[in-house]
N, C-alpha and C. Protein backbone atom coordinates (compact mmCIF):
# COMPACT_ATOMS: atom_id res chain seq x y z
N MET A 1 -152.33 -18.68 2.84
CA MET A 1 -151.97 -20.05 3.21
C MET A 1 -151.53 -20.15 4.89
N PHE A 2 -152.51 -20.85 5.36
CA PHE A 2 -152.11 -21.12 6.68
C PHE A 2 -151.35 -22.78 6.69
N TYR A 3 -149.96 -22.57 6.99
CA TYR A 3 -149.10 -23.72 6.78
C TYR A 3 -148.72 -23.96 7.92
N VAL A 4 -149.29 -25.45 8.65
CA VAL A 4 -149.15 -26.63 10.10
C VAL A 4 -147.63 -26.80 9.76
N THR A 5 -146.62 -27.22 10.55
CA THR A 5 -145.64 -28.65 9.92
C THR A 5 -145.18 -28.67 11.59
N THR A 6 -144.90 -29.66 11.75
CA THR A 6 -144.66 -30.31 12.49
C THR A 6 -143.16 -31.20 12.64
N ALA A 7 -142.93 -31.34 13.92
CA ALA A 7 -141.50 -32.11 13.78
C ALA A 7 -141.42 -33.62 12.82
N ILE A 8 -140.33 -33.73 12.06
CA ILE A 8 -140.41 -34.84 11.62
C ILE A 8 -139.88 -36.02 12.38
N ASP A 9 -139.94 -36.69 12.30
CA ASP A 9 -139.79 -37.90 13.77
C ASP A 9 -138.44 -39.05 13.12
N TYR A 10 -137.72 -39.22 14.67
CA TYR A 10 -136.59 -40.23 13.93
C TYR A 10 -137.58 -41.62 14.40
N PRO A 11 -138.08 -42.34 13.00
CA PRO A 11 -138.54 -43.63 13.18
C PRO A 11 -136.98 -44.82 14.11
N ASN A 12 -136.52 -44.37 14.79
CA ASN A 12 -135.69 -45.28 15.57
C ASN A 12 -136.28 -45.90 16.52
N GLY A 13 -137.22 -45.79 16.79
CA GLY A 13 -137.87 -46.60 18.11
C GLY A 13 -139.76 -46.51 17.82
N LYS A 14 -140.51 -47.03 18.54
CA LYS A 14 -141.97 -47.02 18.45
C LYS A 14 -142.75 -45.35 18.35
N PRO A 15 -143.34 -45.10 17.74
CA PRO A 15 -143.90 -43.89 18.44
C PRO A 15 -145.20 -43.53 19.63
N HIS A 16 -144.90 -43.33 20.28
CA HIS A 16 -145.21 -42.79 21.63
C HIS A 16 -146.42 -42.02 21.71
N ILE A 17 -146.70 -41.66 23.13
CA ILE A 17 -147.76 -40.55 23.50
C ILE A 17 -147.43 -38.87 23.32
N GLY A 18 -145.76 -38.94 22.84
CA GLY A 18 -145.64 -37.37 22.64
C GLY A 18 -145.68 -37.24 21.23
N HIS A 19 -145.26 -38.40 20.35
CA HIS A 19 -145.78 -37.91 18.99
C HIS A 19 -146.77 -38.31 18.46
N ALA A 20 -147.96 -38.79 19.16
CA ALA A 20 -149.32 -38.59 18.91
C ALA A 20 -149.91 -37.08 19.56
N TYR A 21 -149.58 -36.66 20.77
CA TYR A 21 -150.01 -35.84 21.22
C TYR A 21 -150.08 -34.23 19.81
N GLU A 22 -148.34 -34.18 19.31
CA GLU A 22 -148.19 -33.28 18.11
C GLU A 22 -148.74 -33.62 17.41
N LYS A 23 -149.12 -34.30 16.58
CA LYS A 23 -149.89 -34.66 15.26
C LYS A 23 -151.54 -34.34 15.62
N ILE A 24 -151.87 -34.50 16.46
CA ILE A 24 -153.25 -34.47 17.00
C ILE A 24 -153.63 -32.84 16.66
N LEU A 25 -152.71 -32.10 17.42
CA LEU A 25 -152.89 -31.49 17.69
C LEU A 25 -152.82 -30.53 16.22
N ALA A 26 -151.66 -30.94 15.73
CA ALA A 26 -151.47 -30.05 14.37
C ALA A 26 -152.62 -30.48 13.48
N ASP A 27 -153.29 -31.65 13.35
CA ASP A 27 -154.72 -31.94 12.75
C ASP A 27 -155.66 -31.08 13.29
N VAL A 28 -156.14 -31.02 13.99
CA VAL A 28 -157.13 -30.07 14.93
C VAL A 28 -156.87 -29.16 14.50
N LEU A 29 -156.03 -27.99 14.65
CA LEU A 29 -155.53 -26.52 14.23
C LEU A 29 -156.31 -26.77 12.46
N THR A 30 -154.70 -27.28 11.76
CA THR A 30 -155.63 -27.73 10.52
C THR A 30 -157.27 -27.49 10.13
N ARG A 31 -157.55 -28.75 10.64
CA ARG A 31 -159.51 -28.56 10.52
C ARG A 31 -159.80 -27.42 10.77
N TYR A 32 -159.82 -26.47 11.81
CA TYR A 32 -160.09 -25.49 12.38
C TYR A 32 -160.18 -24.77 11.81
N GLN A 33 -158.54 -24.14 10.99
CA GLN A 33 -158.49 -23.01 9.87
C GLN A 33 -159.40 -23.15 8.57
N ARG A 34 -159.52 -24.03 8.45
CA ARG A 34 -160.72 -24.68 6.81
C ARG A 34 -162.21 -24.58 7.59
N LEU A 35 -162.19 -24.90 8.72
CA LEU A 35 -163.65 -24.12 9.15
C LEU A 35 -164.04 -22.80 9.00
N LYS A 36 -162.74 -22.22 9.35
CA LYS A 36 -163.16 -20.95 9.12
C LYS A 36 -163.04 -20.58 7.58
N GLY A 37 -162.67 -21.26 6.65
CA GLY A 37 -162.48 -20.86 5.56
C GLY A 37 -161.24 -20.63 4.67
N ALA A 38 -159.98 -20.97 5.53
CA ALA A 38 -158.59 -20.34 5.15
C ALA A 38 -158.06 -21.69 4.46
N GLU A 39 -157.47 -21.26 3.61
CA GLU A 39 -156.54 -22.28 3.07
C GLU A 39 -155.42 -22.58 3.63
N SER A 40 -155.65 -24.01 3.80
CA SER A 40 -155.02 -24.84 4.72
C SER A 40 -153.90 -26.12 4.27
N TYR A 41 -152.06 -26.37 4.72
CA TYR A 41 -151.84 -26.90 4.55
C TYR A 41 -151.01 -27.88 5.82
N PHE A 42 -151.31 -29.48 5.91
CA PHE A 42 -150.21 -30.06 6.80
C PHE A 42 -149.80 -30.78 6.44
N LEU A 43 -148.69 -30.55 7.15
CA LEU A 43 -146.83 -31.44 6.61
C LEU A 43 -146.13 -32.06 7.87
N THR A 44 -146.37 -33.35 7.80
CA THR A 44 -145.88 -33.89 9.01
C THR A 44 -144.87 -35.19 7.96
N GLY A 45 -144.37 -36.00 8.53
CA GLY A 45 -143.20 -37.02 7.97
C GLY A 45 -142.20 -37.45 9.22
N VAL A 46 -141.30 -38.03 8.64
CA VAL A 46 -140.24 -38.91 9.43
C VAL A 46 -138.79 -38.66 8.70
N ASP A 47 -137.54 -38.65 9.87
CA ASP A 47 -136.63 -38.31 9.40
C ASP A 47 -135.95 -39.78 9.22
N GLN A 48 -135.35 -40.32 8.56
CA GLN A 48 -135.06 -41.40 8.21
C GLN A 48 -133.74 -41.91 8.77
N HIS A 49 -132.40 -40.68 8.25
CA HIS A 49 -131.53 -40.27 8.72
C HIS A 49 -130.91 -40.03 9.82
N GLY A 50 -129.88 -40.74 10.02
CA GLY A 50 -128.79 -40.17 11.06
C GLY A 50 -128.28 -41.03 11.84
N GLN A 51 -127.38 -40.96 12.66
CA GLN A 51 -126.57 -41.90 13.75
C GLN A 51 -127.57 -42.17 14.78
N LYS A 52 -128.62 -42.04 15.20
CA LYS A 52 -129.62 -42.71 16.17
C LYS A 52 -130.40 -43.74 14.89
N MET A 53 -130.50 -43.93 13.85
CA MET A 53 -131.03 -45.10 13.46
C MET A 53 -129.59 -45.93 13.35
N VAL A 54 -128.65 -45.56 12.74
CA VAL A 54 -127.92 -46.25 12.50
C VAL A 54 -127.28 -47.33 14.08
N LYS A 55 -127.31 -46.62 15.51
CA LYS A 55 -127.41 -46.95 16.52
C LYS A 55 -127.94 -48.07 17.00
N THR A 56 -129.77 -47.83 16.83
CA THR A 56 -130.35 -48.69 16.98
C THR A 56 -130.67 -49.69 15.92
N ALA A 57 -130.36 -49.93 14.75
CA ALA A 57 -130.13 -50.95 13.99
C ALA A 57 -129.13 -52.17 14.80
N GLU A 58 -128.11 -51.20 14.75
CA GLU A 58 -126.95 -52.09 15.35
C GLU A 58 -127.18 -52.86 16.85
N ALA A 59 -128.18 -51.93 17.64
CA ALA A 59 -128.16 -52.75 19.11
C ALA A 59 -129.16 -53.83 18.61
N GLU A 60 -130.18 -53.49 17.63
CA GLU A 60 -131.16 -54.76 17.60
C GLU A 60 -130.12 -56.02 16.32
N GLY A 61 -129.26 -55.42 16.02
CA GLY A 61 -128.94 -56.60 14.90
C GLY A 61 -129.62 -56.49 13.69
N VAL A 62 -130.03 -55.51 13.29
CA VAL A 62 -130.72 -55.86 12.27
C VAL A 62 -130.53 -54.60 11.23
N ASN A 63 -130.62 -54.93 9.77
CA ASN A 63 -130.22 -53.51 8.68
C ASN A 63 -130.52 -52.21 8.86
N VAL A 64 -129.91 -51.41 8.67
CA VAL A 64 -130.70 -49.92 9.19
C VAL A 64 -131.81 -49.81 8.14
N ALA A 65 -131.71 -50.00 7.07
CA ALA A 65 -133.01 -49.98 5.88
C ALA A 65 -133.75 -50.84 6.27
N THR A 66 -133.70 -52.36 6.75
CA THR A 66 -135.35 -53.04 7.75
C THR A 66 -135.64 -51.80 8.44
N LEU A 67 -134.57 -51.42 9.49
CA LEU A 67 -135.22 -50.69 10.72
C LEU A 67 -136.38 -49.73 10.53
N THR A 68 -135.26 -48.86 9.43
CA THR A 68 -136.00 -47.55 8.98
C THR A 68 -137.43 -48.34 8.47
N LYS A 69 -137.93 -48.86 7.84
CA LYS A 69 -139.21 -49.39 6.67
C LYS A 69 -139.94 -49.62 7.87
N ARG A 70 -139.55 -50.86 8.90
CA ARG A 70 -140.43 -51.80 9.84
C ARG A 70 -141.07 -50.09 11.13
N ASN A 71 -140.26 -49.39 11.14
CA ASN A 71 -140.45 -48.11 11.85
C ASN A 71 -141.23 -46.95 11.38
N THR A 72 -141.42 -46.81 10.31
CA THR A 72 -142.03 -45.89 9.19
C THR A 72 -143.59 -46.59 8.75
N LYS A 73 -143.58 -47.51 8.98
CA LYS A 73 -144.69 -48.18 8.85
C LYS A 73 -145.67 -47.96 9.80
N ARG A 74 -144.82 -48.16 11.44
CA ARG A 74 -145.82 -48.36 12.55
C ARG A 74 -146.02 -46.73 12.68
N PHE A 75 -145.48 -45.65 12.46
CA PHE A 75 -145.95 -44.10 12.37
C PHE A 75 -147.06 -44.10 11.41
N ILE A 76 -147.14 -44.11 10.16
CA ILE A 76 -148.17 -44.07 9.30
C ILE A 76 -149.35 -44.50 9.62
N ARG A 77 -149.34 -46.16 10.58
CA ARG A 77 -150.34 -46.79 10.73
C ARG A 77 -150.95 -46.17 11.96
N LEU A 78 -150.36 -45.28 12.67
CA LEU A 78 -150.42 -44.64 13.96
C LEU A 78 -151.51 -43.66 13.44
N TRP A 79 -151.13 -42.71 12.91
CA TRP A 79 -152.03 -41.88 11.95
C TRP A 79 -152.87 -42.12 11.56
N GLU A 80 -153.30 -43.19 10.68
CA GLU A 80 -154.20 -43.70 10.23
C GLU A 80 -155.37 -43.99 11.25
N LYS A 81 -154.78 -44.61 12.26
CA LYS A 81 -155.70 -45.52 13.60
C LYS A 81 -156.38 -44.23 14.15
N LEU A 82 -155.45 -42.87 14.15
CA LEU A 82 -156.07 -41.87 14.82
C LEU A 82 -156.71 -41.13 14.10
N GLY A 83 -156.58 -41.09 13.22
CA GLY A 83 -157.37 -40.08 11.91
C GLY A 83 -157.07 -38.87 11.72
N VAL A 84 -155.49 -38.79 11.69
CA VAL A 84 -154.59 -37.89 11.69
C VAL A 84 -155.12 -37.45 10.11
N LYS A 85 -155.21 -36.37 9.68
CA LYS A 85 -154.85 -36.09 7.83
C LYS A 85 -154.26 -35.28 7.31
N TYR A 86 -153.16 -35.79 6.97
CA TYR A 86 -152.16 -34.67 6.89
C TYR A 86 -151.93 -34.48 5.10
N ASP A 87 -151.62 -33.25 5.08
CA ASP A 87 -151.67 -33.37 3.14
C ASP A 87 -150.31 -33.31 2.55
N GLY A 88 -149.35 -33.60 3.43
CA GLY A 88 -147.81 -33.53 2.73
C GLY A 88 -147.39 -34.26 3.59
N TRP A 89 -146.66 -36.06 2.95
CA TRP A 89 -145.70 -36.61 3.87
C TRP A 89 -144.71 -36.44 3.45
N ALA A 90 -143.49 -36.73 4.78
CA ALA A 90 -142.15 -36.02 4.32
C ALA A 90 -141.17 -37.51 4.52
N GLU A 91 -140.61 -38.16 3.53
CA GLU A 91 -139.66 -39.39 3.96
C GLU A 91 -138.55 -38.65 3.61
N THR A 92 -137.22 -39.06 4.48
CA THR A 92 -135.37 -38.76 3.66
C THR A 92 -135.03 -39.57 2.99
N THR A 93 -135.51 -40.72 2.77
CA THR A 93 -135.30 -41.78 1.94
C THR A 93 -135.98 -41.65 0.27
N ASP A 94 -136.96 -40.82 0.24
CA ASP A 94 -138.13 -40.61 -1.07
C ASP A 94 -136.99 -40.32 -1.86
N GLU A 95 -137.28 -40.74 -3.21
CA GLU A 95 -136.54 -39.92 -4.30
C GLU A 95 -136.92 -38.16 -4.27
N ARG A 96 -138.04 -38.50 -4.06
CA ARG A 96 -138.73 -36.97 -4.66
C ARG A 96 -137.63 -35.54 -3.64
N HIS A 97 -137.52 -36.18 -2.28
CA HIS A 97 -136.52 -35.63 -1.42
C HIS A 97 -135.40 -35.82 -1.71
N LYS A 98 -134.77 -36.44 -2.07
CA LYS A 98 -133.36 -36.63 -2.48
C LYS A 98 -132.99 -35.49 -3.73
N SER A 99 -133.91 -35.59 -4.63
CA SER A 99 -133.81 -34.74 -6.01
C SER A 99 -133.88 -33.40 -5.34
N CYS A 100 -134.80 -32.96 -4.45
CA CYS A 100 -134.92 -32.00 -4.42
C CYS A 100 -133.97 -31.34 -3.25
N VAL A 101 -133.23 -31.97 -2.36
CA VAL A 101 -132.15 -31.47 -1.50
C VAL A 101 -130.57 -31.25 -2.64
N GLN A 102 -130.71 -31.81 -3.53
CA GLN A 102 -129.65 -32.10 -4.53
C GLN A 102 -129.95 -30.67 -5.29
N ALA A 103 -130.82 -30.59 -5.63
CA ALA A 103 -131.22 -28.90 -6.31
C ALA A 103 -130.76 -27.85 -5.87
N ILE A 104 -131.45 -27.88 -4.01
CA ILE A 104 -131.10 -26.88 -3.64
C ILE A 104 -129.82 -26.45 -3.24
N LEU A 105 -129.16 -27.54 -2.86
CA LEU A 105 -127.66 -27.76 -2.52
C LEU A 105 -127.07 -27.23 -4.09
N GLY A 106 -127.14 -27.50 -5.13
CA GLY A 106 -126.60 -27.02 -5.79
C GLY A 106 -126.38 -26.34 -6.23
N LYS A 107 -127.80 -25.22 -6.13
CA LYS A 107 -127.76 -23.80 -6.78
C LYS A 107 -127.45 -22.97 -5.37
N LEU A 108 -127.54 -23.55 -4.23
CA LEU A 108 -126.42 -22.81 -3.30
C LEU A 108 -125.08 -22.57 -3.23
N GLU A 109 -124.54 -23.82 -3.67
CA GLU A 109 -122.92 -23.84 -3.96
C GLU A 109 -122.76 -23.33 -5.25
N LYS A 110 -123.19 -22.89 -6.17
CA LYS A 110 -123.08 -22.12 -7.60
C LYS A 110 -123.45 -20.60 -7.09
N GLU A 111 -123.96 -20.18 -6.66
CA GLU A 111 -124.24 -19.17 -5.47
C GLU A 111 -123.28 -18.53 -4.37
N GLY A 112 -122.06 -19.90 -4.24
CA GLY A 112 -121.08 -19.14 -3.00
C GLY A 112 -121.40 -18.81 -1.72
N ALA A 113 -122.84 -20.08 -1.88
CA ALA A 113 -123.38 -20.01 -0.08
C ALA A 113 -122.94 -20.55 0.57
N LEU A 114 -122.60 -22.09 0.30
CA LEU A 114 -121.63 -22.68 0.49
C LEU A 114 -120.14 -22.61 0.86
N TYR A 115 -119.82 -23.74 1.84
CA TYR A 115 -118.27 -23.48 1.60
C TYR A 115 -117.42 -24.78 3.18
N LYS A 116 -116.97 -25.19 2.85
CA LYS A 116 -116.02 -26.32 3.71
C LYS A 116 -115.00 -25.74 4.61
N LYS A 117 -115.39 -26.40 5.68
CA LYS A 117 -114.43 -26.01 7.17
C LYS A 117 -114.51 -27.20 8.10
N SER A 118 -112.97 -27.31 8.49
CA SER A 118 -112.71 -27.85 9.53
C SER A 118 -113.42 -27.62 11.00
N TYR A 119 -113.47 -28.64 11.71
CA TYR A 119 -113.93 -28.32 13.03
C TYR A 119 -113.67 -29.35 14.45
N ALA A 120 -113.21 -28.99 15.48
CA ALA A 120 -112.84 -29.82 16.82
C ALA A 120 -113.65 -29.38 18.01
N GLY A 121 -114.05 -30.21 18.45
CA GLY A 121 -115.01 -30.18 19.52
C GLY A 121 -115.42 -31.13 19.76
N PHE A 122 -117.28 -30.40 20.11
CA PHE A 122 -117.70 -31.37 21.23
C PHE A 122 -118.87 -31.93 20.08
N TYR A 123 -119.77 -32.88 20.08
CA TYR A 123 -121.32 -33.43 19.12
C TYR A 123 -121.71 -33.88 20.44
N SER A 124 -123.28 -33.48 20.06
CA SER A 124 -124.49 -34.54 20.97
C SER A 124 -124.86 -35.57 19.65
N VAL A 125 -124.54 -36.83 20.64
CA VAL A 125 -125.27 -37.82 19.44
C VAL A 125 -126.94 -37.83 19.65
N ARG A 126 -127.31 -37.70 20.30
CA ARG A 126 -129.15 -37.18 20.67
C ARG A 126 -129.59 -36.24 19.89
N GLN A 127 -128.81 -35.18 19.45
CA GLN A 127 -129.29 -33.91 18.81
C GLN A 127 -129.05 -33.77 17.92
N GLU A 128 -127.83 -34.48 17.61
CA GLU A 128 -127.22 -34.22 16.15
C GLU A 128 -126.53 -33.07 15.60
N GLN A 129 -125.96 -32.60 16.78
CA GLN A 129 -125.36 -31.05 16.60
C GLN A 129 -124.04 -31.03 17.20
N PHE A 130 -123.37 -29.99 16.60
CA PHE A 130 -122.36 -29.52 17.40
C PHE A 130 -122.64 -28.40 18.85
N LEU A 131 -121.73 -28.44 19.21
CA LEU A 131 -122.13 -27.76 20.96
C LEU A 131 -120.50 -26.90 20.89
N THR A 132 -120.87 -25.85 21.47
CA THR A 132 -119.71 -24.59 22.06
C THR A 132 -119.97 -24.44 23.36
N ASP A 133 -119.14 -23.39 24.04
CA ASP A 133 -119.65 -23.52 25.71
C ASP A 133 -120.64 -22.66 25.78
N ARG A 134 -121.39 -22.01 24.80
CA ARG A 134 -123.07 -21.48 25.48
C ARG A 134 -123.70 -23.19 25.57
N ASP A 135 -123.55 -24.17 25.40
CA ASP A 135 -124.69 -25.44 25.32
C ASP A 135 -124.37 -25.66 27.12
N ARG A 136 -123.27 -25.21 27.51
CA ARG A 136 -122.68 -25.89 29.05
C ARG A 136 -123.97 -25.37 29.86
N ASN A 137 -123.90 -25.95 30.68
CA ASN A 137 -124.43 -25.90 32.29
C ASN A 137 -123.77 -24.91 33.01
N ASP A 138 -124.62 -24.46 34.49
CA ASP A 138 -124.21 -23.53 35.38
C ASP A 138 -122.96 -24.02 35.69
N HIS A 139 -122.72 -25.35 35.53
CA HIS A 139 -121.26 -26.22 36.33
C HIS A 139 -120.32 -26.39 35.33
N GLY A 140 -120.35 -25.59 33.90
CA GLY A 140 -119.70 -25.60 33.02
C GLY A 140 -119.95 -27.31 32.39
N ASP A 141 -120.93 -28.27 32.63
CA ASP A 141 -120.89 -29.35 32.07
C ASP A 141 -121.90 -29.23 30.77
N PHE A 142 -121.79 -30.38 29.68
CA PHE A 142 -123.11 -30.05 28.90
C PHE A 142 -124.30 -31.32 29.72
N GLY A 143 -125.31 -30.47 29.86
CA GLY A 143 -126.50 -31.45 30.49
C GLY A 143 -127.15 -32.59 30.04
N GLU A 144 -128.04 -33.26 30.82
CA GLU A 144 -128.87 -34.43 30.33
C GLU A 144 -129.59 -34.15 28.89
N GLU A 145 -129.61 -33.11 28.66
CA GLU A 145 -130.81 -32.95 27.79
C GLU A 145 -129.76 -33.16 26.09
N TRP A 146 -128.60 -32.94 26.24
CA TRP A 146 -127.47 -33.55 25.32
C TRP A 146 -127.48 -35.07 24.98
N GLY A 147 -127.60 -36.11 26.01
CA GLY A 147 -127.20 -37.56 25.73
C GLY A 147 -125.88 -37.28 25.58
N GLU A 148 -125.55 -38.62 24.75
CA GLU A 148 -123.65 -38.60 24.94
C GLU A 148 -123.11 -37.95 23.97
N VAL A 149 -122.11 -36.91 24.39
CA VAL A 149 -121.19 -36.24 23.92
C VAL A 149 -119.68 -36.61 23.66
N ILE A 150 -119.39 -36.64 22.40
CA ILE A 150 -117.87 -36.85 21.92
C ILE A 150 -117.26 -35.63 21.33
N GLU A 151 -116.31 -35.95 21.75
CA GLU A 151 -115.13 -34.77 21.12
C GLU A 151 -114.78 -35.35 19.47
N ILE A 152 -114.71 -34.94 18.79
CA ILE A 152 -114.50 -35.02 17.64
C ILE A 152 -113.73 -34.22 16.46
N GLU A 153 -113.39 -33.96 15.49
CA GLU A 153 -112.79 -33.10 14.69
C GLU A 153 -112.49 -33.54 13.54
N GLU A 154 -113.59 -32.91 12.52
CA GLU A 154 -113.64 -33.30 10.47
C GLU A 154 -113.64 -32.13 10.19
N GLU A 155 -113.77 -32.62 8.84
CA GLU A 155 -114.54 -31.40 7.02
C GLU A 155 -115.71 -31.65 6.91
N ASN A 156 -116.45 -30.43 7.51
CA ASN A 156 -117.83 -30.19 6.52
C ASN A 156 -117.95 -29.20 5.66
N TRP A 157 -119.12 -29.49 5.09
CA TRP A 157 -120.25 -28.19 4.13
C TRP A 157 -120.79 -27.22 5.29
N TYR A 158 -120.82 -25.95 5.63
CA TYR A 158 -121.22 -24.68 5.88
C TYR A 158 -122.31 -23.77 5.11
N PHE A 159 -123.30 -23.09 5.16
CA PHE A 159 -124.28 -23.01 4.63
C PHE A 159 -123.93 -21.40 5.24
N LYS A 160 -123.51 -20.54 4.86
CA LYS A 160 -123.77 -18.86 5.25
C LYS A 160 -124.62 -18.20 5.83
N LEU A 161 -124.98 -19.07 6.93
CA LEU A 161 -126.35 -18.61 7.51
C LEU A 161 -126.75 -17.09 8.56
N SER A 162 -124.91 -16.55 8.61
CA SER A 162 -124.74 -15.09 8.80
C SER A 162 -124.72 -13.92 8.13
N ASP A 163 -125.08 -14.32 7.03
CA ASP A 163 -125.28 -13.61 5.97
C ASP A 163 -127.09 -13.08 5.62
N HIS A 164 -127.95 -14.50 6.66
CA HIS A 164 -128.85 -13.68 6.10
C HIS A 164 -129.44 -13.97 7.89
N ALA A 165 -128.87 -13.63 8.63
CA ALA A 165 -129.26 -13.04 10.08
C ALA A 165 -129.91 -12.29 10.46
N GLU A 166 -129.77 -11.01 9.95
CA GLU A 166 -130.37 -10.08 9.69
C GLU A 166 -131.79 -9.46 9.32
N TRP A 167 -131.87 -10.12 7.67
CA TRP A 167 -133.38 -10.45 7.12
C TRP A 167 -134.29 -11.46 7.98
N LEU A 168 -133.76 -12.35 8.32
CA LEU A 168 -134.47 -13.51 8.81
C LEU A 168 -134.98 -12.61 10.55
N ARG A 169 -133.82 -11.98 10.75
CA ARG A 169 -134.70 -11.57 12.41
C ARG A 169 -135.64 -10.61 11.95
N SER A 170 -135.52 -9.29 10.70
CA SER A 170 -136.81 -8.48 10.39
C SER A 170 -138.25 -9.21 9.96
N THR A 171 -137.86 -10.23 9.15
CA THR A 171 -138.85 -10.66 9.01
C THR A 171 -139.60 -11.86 9.57
N VAL A 172 -139.47 -12.33 10.74
CA VAL A 172 -139.73 -12.67 11.98
C VAL A 172 -140.73 -11.81 12.92
N ALA A 173 -139.73 -10.85 13.15
CA ALA A 173 -140.07 -9.77 13.62
C ALA A 173 -141.51 -8.79 13.46
N ASN A 174 -140.98 -8.66 12.56
CA ASN A 174 -142.26 -7.67 11.42
C ASN A 174 -143.80 -8.92 11.08
N ASP A 175 -143.62 -9.89 11.14
CA ASP A 175 -144.59 -10.74 11.10
C ASP A 175 -144.98 -10.89 9.39
N ASP A 176 -143.63 -10.55 8.63
CA ASP A 176 -143.85 -10.75 7.43
C ASP A 176 -144.07 -12.56 7.62
N LEU A 177 -143.57 -13.06 8.19
CA LEU A 177 -143.45 -14.53 8.13
C LEU A 177 -144.36 -14.65 10.06
N LYS A 178 -145.14 -14.79 9.59
CA LYS A 178 -145.95 -15.19 10.84
C LYS A 178 -146.36 -16.59 12.01
N ILE A 179 -145.29 -16.52 12.69
CA ILE A 179 -144.92 -17.63 13.54
C ILE A 179 -146.16 -17.66 14.42
N ILE A 180 -147.01 -18.08 15.54
CA ILE A 180 -147.67 -18.60 16.35
C ILE A 180 -147.81 -19.79 16.82
N PRO A 181 -147.84 -19.85 18.46
CA PRO A 181 -148.54 -18.37 19.25
C PRO A 181 -147.30 -17.96 19.46
N LYS A 182 -147.52 -16.82 19.88
CA LYS A 182 -146.51 -16.01 20.43
C LYS A 182 -144.81 -16.49 21.03
N PHE A 183 -145.17 -17.28 22.19
CA PHE A 183 -143.79 -17.23 22.80
C PHE A 183 -143.14 -18.14 21.74
N ARG A 184 -143.46 -19.05 20.62
CA ARG A 184 -142.88 -19.67 19.75
C ARG A 184 -142.26 -18.76 18.80
N LYS A 185 -143.15 -17.55 18.19
CA LYS A 185 -141.60 -16.83 17.73
C LYS A 185 -140.78 -15.99 18.35
N ASN A 186 -141.66 -15.63 19.44
CA ASN A 186 -140.02 -15.45 20.77
C ASN A 186 -138.65 -16.19 20.66
N GLU A 187 -139.28 -17.62 20.44
CA GLU A 187 -138.21 -18.89 20.57
C GLU A 187 -137.16 -18.80 19.74
N VAL A 188 -138.26 -18.26 18.60
CA VAL A 188 -137.29 -18.37 17.20
C VAL A 188 -136.33 -16.81 17.37
N LEU A 189 -136.73 -16.12 17.17
CA LEU A 189 -136.39 -14.83 17.58
C LEU A 189 -134.97 -15.05 18.36
N ASN A 190 -135.11 -15.56 19.32
CA ASN A 190 -133.92 -15.85 20.31
C ASN A 190 -132.68 -17.10 20.07
N ALA A 191 -133.20 -17.51 18.84
CA ALA A 191 -132.57 -18.60 18.28
C ALA A 191 -131.81 -17.61 17.59
N ILE A 192 -132.24 -17.08 16.69
CA ILE A 192 -131.44 -16.21 15.63
C ILE A 192 -130.38 -15.45 16.42
N GLU A 193 -130.67 -14.87 17.45
CA GLU A 193 -129.79 -13.98 17.95
C GLU A 193 -128.62 -14.89 18.66
N ARG A 194 -129.16 -16.03 19.44
CA ARG A 194 -128.15 -16.79 20.29
C ARG A 194 -127.13 -16.85 18.63
N ALA A 195 -127.46 -17.41 17.57
CA ALA A 195 -126.77 -17.98 16.18
C ALA A 195 -125.99 -16.81 15.84
N GLY A 196 -126.18 -15.47 16.00
CA GLY A 196 -124.83 -14.61 15.71
C GLY A 196 -124.44 -14.70 14.13
N ASP A 197 -123.35 -14.58 14.55
CA ASP A 197 -122.33 -14.59 13.25
C ASP A 197 -122.02 -15.94 12.67
N THR A 198 -122.71 -17.04 13.69
CA THR A 198 -122.66 -18.38 13.56
C THR A 198 -123.16 -18.92 12.23
N ASP A 199 -121.92 -20.22 11.36
CA ASP A 199 -122.94 -20.24 10.06
C ASP A 199 -123.44 -21.86 10.22
N LEU A 200 -124.24 -22.29 9.54
CA LEU A 200 -124.98 -23.74 9.86
C LEU A 200 -124.04 -24.95 9.06
N CYS A 201 -123.44 -25.63 10.03
CA CYS A 201 -123.10 -27.19 9.42
C CYS A 201 -124.41 -27.84 8.48
N ILE A 202 -123.81 -28.25 7.33
CA ILE A 202 -125.13 -28.95 6.83
C ILE A 202 -125.05 -30.46 6.45
N SER A 203 -123.56 -30.83 6.92
CA SER A 203 -123.22 -32.32 6.14
C SER A 203 -122.29 -32.88 7.01
N ARG A 204 -122.57 -34.31 7.42
CA ARG A 204 -121.68 -35.05 7.85
C ARG A 204 -120.63 -36.34 6.70
N PRO A 205 -119.15 -36.17 7.25
CA PRO A 205 -118.48 -37.53 6.42
C PRO A 205 -118.99 -38.74 6.55
N LYS A 206 -118.52 -39.55 5.56
CA LYS A 206 -119.15 -40.65 5.51
C LYS A 206 -118.63 -41.83 6.75
N GLU A 207 -117.61 -41.55 6.66
CA GLU A 207 -116.91 -42.27 7.75
C GLU A 207 -117.36 -42.64 8.79
N ARG A 208 -118.35 -41.37 9.72
CA ARG A 208 -119.21 -41.42 10.73
C ARG A 208 -120.47 -41.41 10.46
N MET A 209 -121.02 -41.16 9.17
CA MET A 209 -122.07 -41.56 8.72
C MET A 209 -122.70 -42.18 7.48
N SER A 210 -122.57 -43.60 7.91
CA SER A 210 -122.61 -44.39 5.93
C SER A 210 -124.46 -44.29 5.66
N TRP A 211 -125.22 -43.68 6.77
CA TRP A 211 -126.25 -44.01 6.73
C TRP A 211 -126.91 -42.43 6.57
N GLY A 212 -127.18 -42.30 5.37
CA GLY A 212 -127.85 -40.61 5.26
C GLY A 212 -127.16 -39.28 4.14
């Protein structure tokens, strides 16, 4: 199976040329593989949750659910106009997505792969991720790529990613999971190396993230 996946876009604004560029490339790649006789699957979609969605809805003075539905339709219409033919479409508000996430997290919790931990530090609103000193630039600051950075202290759920670091590294390095082009493979390997023994935060408190 030749699997093609794209970013699932935030519909907090209208789709732009960057979104179109990525999806067209993915569509062309999928069609090319099929012409060669390869079984292929192209997945794309939208990430409808997160702080960006809430902030945009507040700025526009609309309900976040209304914003989500309106802008999701804009993305779908664009792919129809461009003739982008995907096999799978993912929406994070979809019941299928919710039930899948609940099943996976429930299984991980039973296996002891999840735990709660308090965190105090910096958080990038744009990238929706926690930051460490490794993310600072040469001047000791968090660069523009992180957008608004805030200090927070909260308790969240974490996945024991560190338990799987060596397996992930060898799986990618040995091409058991083949990532192309090669420079993307190197990016993934570097990301695994940078993560080191760091675990992955997978939740946000309802007090800060009511939509999601």
